[in-house]
N, C-alpha and C. Protein backbone atom coordinates (compact mmCIF):
# COMPACT_ATOMS: atom_id res chain seq x y z
N UNK A 1 64.52 2.43 7.63
CA UNK A 1 64.28 1.28 6.76
C UNK A 1 64.02 1.78 5.35
N UNK A 2 64.66 1.21 4.39
CA UNK A 2 64.50 1.65 3.01
C UNK A 2 63.18 1.18 2.43
N UNK A 3 62.66 1.91 1.42
CA UNK A 3 61.39 1.53 0.78
C UNK A 3 61.44 0.14 0.18
N UNK A 4 62.57 -0.27 -0.41
CA UNK A 4 62.65 -1.59 -1.01
C UNK A 4 62.45 -2.67 0.04
N UNK A 5 62.93 -2.45 1.26
CA UNK A 5 62.73 -3.39 2.36
C UNK A 5 61.27 -3.44 2.77
N UNK A 6 60.61 -2.30 2.76
CA UNK A 6 59.21 -2.23 3.19
C UNK A 6 58.28 -3.02 2.28
N UNK A 7 58.63 -3.14 1.02
CA UNK A 7 57.76 -3.81 0.06
C UNK A 7 57.69 -5.31 0.29
N UNK A 8 58.67 -5.92 0.93
CA UNK A 8 58.67 -7.36 1.13
C UNK A 8 58.10 -7.77 2.49
N UNK A 9 57.67 -6.81 3.28
CA UNK A 9 57.09 -7.11 4.58
C UNK A 9 55.71 -7.73 4.43
N UNK A 10 55.31 -8.51 5.39
CA UNK A 10 53.96 -9.06 5.43
C UNK A 10 53.11 -8.12 6.29
N UNK A 11 52.08 -7.56 5.68
CA UNK A 11 51.19 -6.61 6.37
C UNK A 11 49.92 -7.33 6.78
N UNK A 12 49.44 -7.03 7.99
CA UNK A 12 48.25 -7.66 8.54
C UNK A 12 47.18 -6.63 8.82
N UNK A 13 45.94 -6.91 8.38
CA UNK A 13 44.80 -6.05 8.69
C UNK A 13 44.08 -6.60 9.91
N UNK A 14 43.41 -5.73 10.59
CA UNK A 14 42.61 -6.14 11.74
C UNK A 14 41.51 -7.09 11.30
N UNK A 15 41.20 -8.06 12.14
CA UNK A 15 40.08 -8.97 11.83
C UNK A 15 38.75 -8.24 11.89
N UNK A 16 38.73 -7.03 12.46
CA UNK A 16 37.51 -6.23 12.52
C UNK A 16 37.30 -5.42 11.24
N UNK A 17 38.26 -5.43 10.33
CA UNK A 17 38.13 -4.66 9.10
C UNK A 17 37.12 -5.31 8.17
N UNK A 18 36.24 -4.50 7.67
CA UNK A 18 35.26 -5.00 6.72
C UNK A 18 35.86 -5.14 5.34
N UNK A 19 35.20 -5.84 4.47
CA UNK A 19 35.67 -6.00 3.10
C UNK A 19 35.23 -4.88 2.20
N UNK A 20 34.71 -3.80 2.76
CA UNK A 20 34.17 -2.70 1.97
C UNK A 20 35.21 -1.65 1.60
N UNK A 21 36.46 -1.85 2.02
CA UNK A 21 37.50 -0.87 1.69
C UNK A 21 37.45 0.36 2.57
N UNK A 22 36.88 0.26 3.75
CA UNK A 22 36.78 1.40 4.66
C UNK A 22 38.10 1.71 5.33
N UNK A 23 38.01 2.55 6.34
CA UNK A 23 39.21 2.95 7.07
C UNK A 23 39.84 1.75 7.74
N UNK A 24 41.12 1.57 7.54
CA UNK A 24 41.79 0.42 8.12
C UNK A 24 43.29 0.68 8.22
N UNK A 25 43.85 0.18 9.30
CA UNK A 25 45.30 0.19 9.46
C UNK A 25 45.83 -1.20 9.22
N UNK A 26 47.07 -1.26 8.78
CA UNK A 26 47.76 -2.54 8.62
C UNK A 26 49.04 -2.47 9.44
N UNK A 27 49.44 -3.61 9.98
CA UNK A 27 50.65 -3.69 10.79
C UNK A 27 51.61 -4.70 10.19
N UNK A 28 52.89 -4.35 10.19
CA UNK A 28 53.96 -5.29 9.86
C UNK A 28 54.65 -5.58 11.19
N UNK A 29 54.59 -6.83 11.61
CA UNK A 29 55.09 -7.20 12.92
C UNK A 29 56.59 -7.40 12.88
N UNK A 30 57.28 -6.29 12.79
CA UNK A 30 58.74 -6.25 12.71
C UNK A 30 59.25 -5.56 13.97
N UNK A 31 60.53 -5.31 14.05
CA UNK A 31 61.12 -4.51 15.14
C UNK A 31 61.74 -3.29 14.51
N UNK A 32 61.18 -2.14 14.61
CA UNK A 32 59.95 -1.80 15.30
C UNK A 32 58.72 -2.23 14.49
N UNK A 33 57.58 -2.31 15.17
CA UNK A 33 56.31 -2.61 14.49
C UNK A 33 55.97 -1.41 13.61
N UNK A 34 55.60 -1.66 12.37
CA UNK A 34 55.24 -0.60 11.44
C UNK A 34 53.74 -0.60 11.21
N UNK A 35 53.16 0.59 11.12
CA UNK A 35 51.73 0.77 10.88
C UNK A 35 51.57 1.65 9.66
N UNK A 36 50.61 1.29 8.80
CA UNK A 36 50.32 2.12 7.62
C UNK A 36 48.82 2.15 7.38
N UNK A 37 48.39 3.10 6.57
CA UNK A 37 47.00 3.21 6.14
C UNK A 37 46.83 2.26 4.96
N UNK A 38 45.87 1.34 5.05
CA UNK A 38 45.69 0.36 3.97
C UNK A 38 45.28 1.00 2.65
N UNK A 39 44.69 2.20 2.71
CA UNK A 39 44.28 2.87 1.48
C UNK A 39 45.45 3.61 0.82
N UNK A 40 46.55 3.77 1.55
CA UNK A 40 47.73 4.46 1.02
C UNK A 40 48.97 3.65 1.38
N UNK A 41 49.10 2.44 0.80
CA UNK A 41 50.20 1.55 1.21
C UNK A 41 51.59 2.10 0.94
N UNK A 42 51.73 3.06 0.06
CA UNK A 42 53.04 3.62 -0.23
C UNK A 42 53.25 4.95 0.49
N UNK A 43 52.28 5.32 1.32
CA UNK A 43 52.37 6.57 2.07
C UNK A 43 53.20 6.41 3.33
N UNK A 44 53.08 7.38 4.22
CA UNK A 44 53.88 7.34 5.45
C UNK A 44 53.52 6.17 6.36
N UNK A 45 54.47 5.80 7.17
CA UNK A 45 54.29 4.70 8.13
C UNK A 45 54.72 5.18 9.50
N UNK A 46 54.10 4.63 10.52
CA UNK A 46 54.49 4.91 11.90
C UNK A 46 55.27 3.71 12.42
N UNK A 47 56.25 3.96 13.27
CA UNK A 47 57.04 2.89 13.87
C UNK A 47 56.85 2.91 15.38
N UNK A 48 56.60 1.74 15.97
CA UNK A 48 56.39 1.61 17.41
C UNK A 48 57.37 0.60 17.99
N UNK A 49 57.96 0.94 19.14
CA UNK A 49 58.78 -0.04 19.86
C UNK A 49 57.88 -1.22 20.22
N UNK A 50 58.43 -2.43 20.29
CA UNK A 50 57.61 -3.61 20.59
C UNK A 50 56.77 -3.45 21.86
N UNK A 51 57.35 -2.93 22.93
CA UNK A 51 56.59 -2.80 24.17
C UNK A 51 55.46 -1.78 24.05
N UNK A 52 55.63 -0.75 23.25
CA UNK A 52 54.56 0.23 23.03
C UNK A 52 53.43 -0.40 22.22
N UNK A 53 53.77 -1.19 21.22
CA UNK A 53 52.75 -1.86 20.40
C UNK A 53 51.95 -2.86 21.23
N UNK A 54 52.63 -3.65 22.06
CA UNK A 54 51.95 -4.62 22.92
C UNK A 54 51.00 -3.90 23.87
N UNK A 55 51.44 -2.80 24.48
CA UNK A 55 50.58 -2.04 25.39
C UNK A 55 49.36 -1.51 24.66
N UNK A 56 49.53 -1.01 23.43
CA UNK A 56 48.42 -0.50 22.64
C UNK A 56 47.41 -1.62 22.34
N UNK A 57 47.89 -2.76 21.87
CA UNK A 57 47.00 -3.87 21.53
C UNK A 57 46.25 -4.36 22.77
N UNK A 58 46.94 -4.45 23.91
CA UNK A 58 46.29 -4.87 25.14
C UNK A 58 45.20 -3.88 25.55
N UNK A 59 45.49 -2.59 25.42
CA UNK A 59 44.49 -1.57 25.77
C UNK A 59 43.27 -1.67 24.87
N UNK A 60 43.48 -1.84 23.58
CA UNK A 60 42.36 -1.96 22.65
C UNK A 60 41.56 -3.23 22.92
N UNK A 61 42.25 -4.32 23.23
CA UNK A 61 41.56 -5.58 23.53
C UNK A 61 40.67 -5.43 24.76
N UNK A 62 41.16 -4.77 25.79
CA UNK A 62 40.35 -4.55 26.99
C UNK A 62 39.17 -3.65 26.68
N UNK A 63 39.38 -2.63 25.86
CA UNK A 63 38.31 -1.68 25.52
C UNK A 63 37.20 -2.34 24.73
N UNK A 64 37.54 -3.23 23.81
CA UNK A 64 36.52 -3.86 22.96
C UNK A 64 35.76 -4.95 23.70
N UNK A 65 36.34 -5.54 24.73
CA UNK A 65 35.62 -6.59 25.45
C UNK A 65 34.61 -6.00 26.43
N UNK A 66 34.73 -4.71 26.74
CA UNK A 66 33.78 -4.07 27.65
C UNK A 66 32.52 -3.59 26.93
N UNK A 67 32.57 -3.47 25.63
CA UNK A 67 31.41 -2.94 24.87
C UNK A 67 30.35 -3.98 24.66
């Protein structure tokens, strides 16, 4: 995916992210799902197949409900 395409994506932060500018990931819900560091929006991005992203989110959801 070219950089010019990446700039028009809608990026989403976790609802658990504080407003203090701390560590946070952002996701662009595309195919593949893209992940970036919110503090370095022009830096590297990770790409996940949709089924891998769904499995990750489900795992995190189960982990946070047990705490």
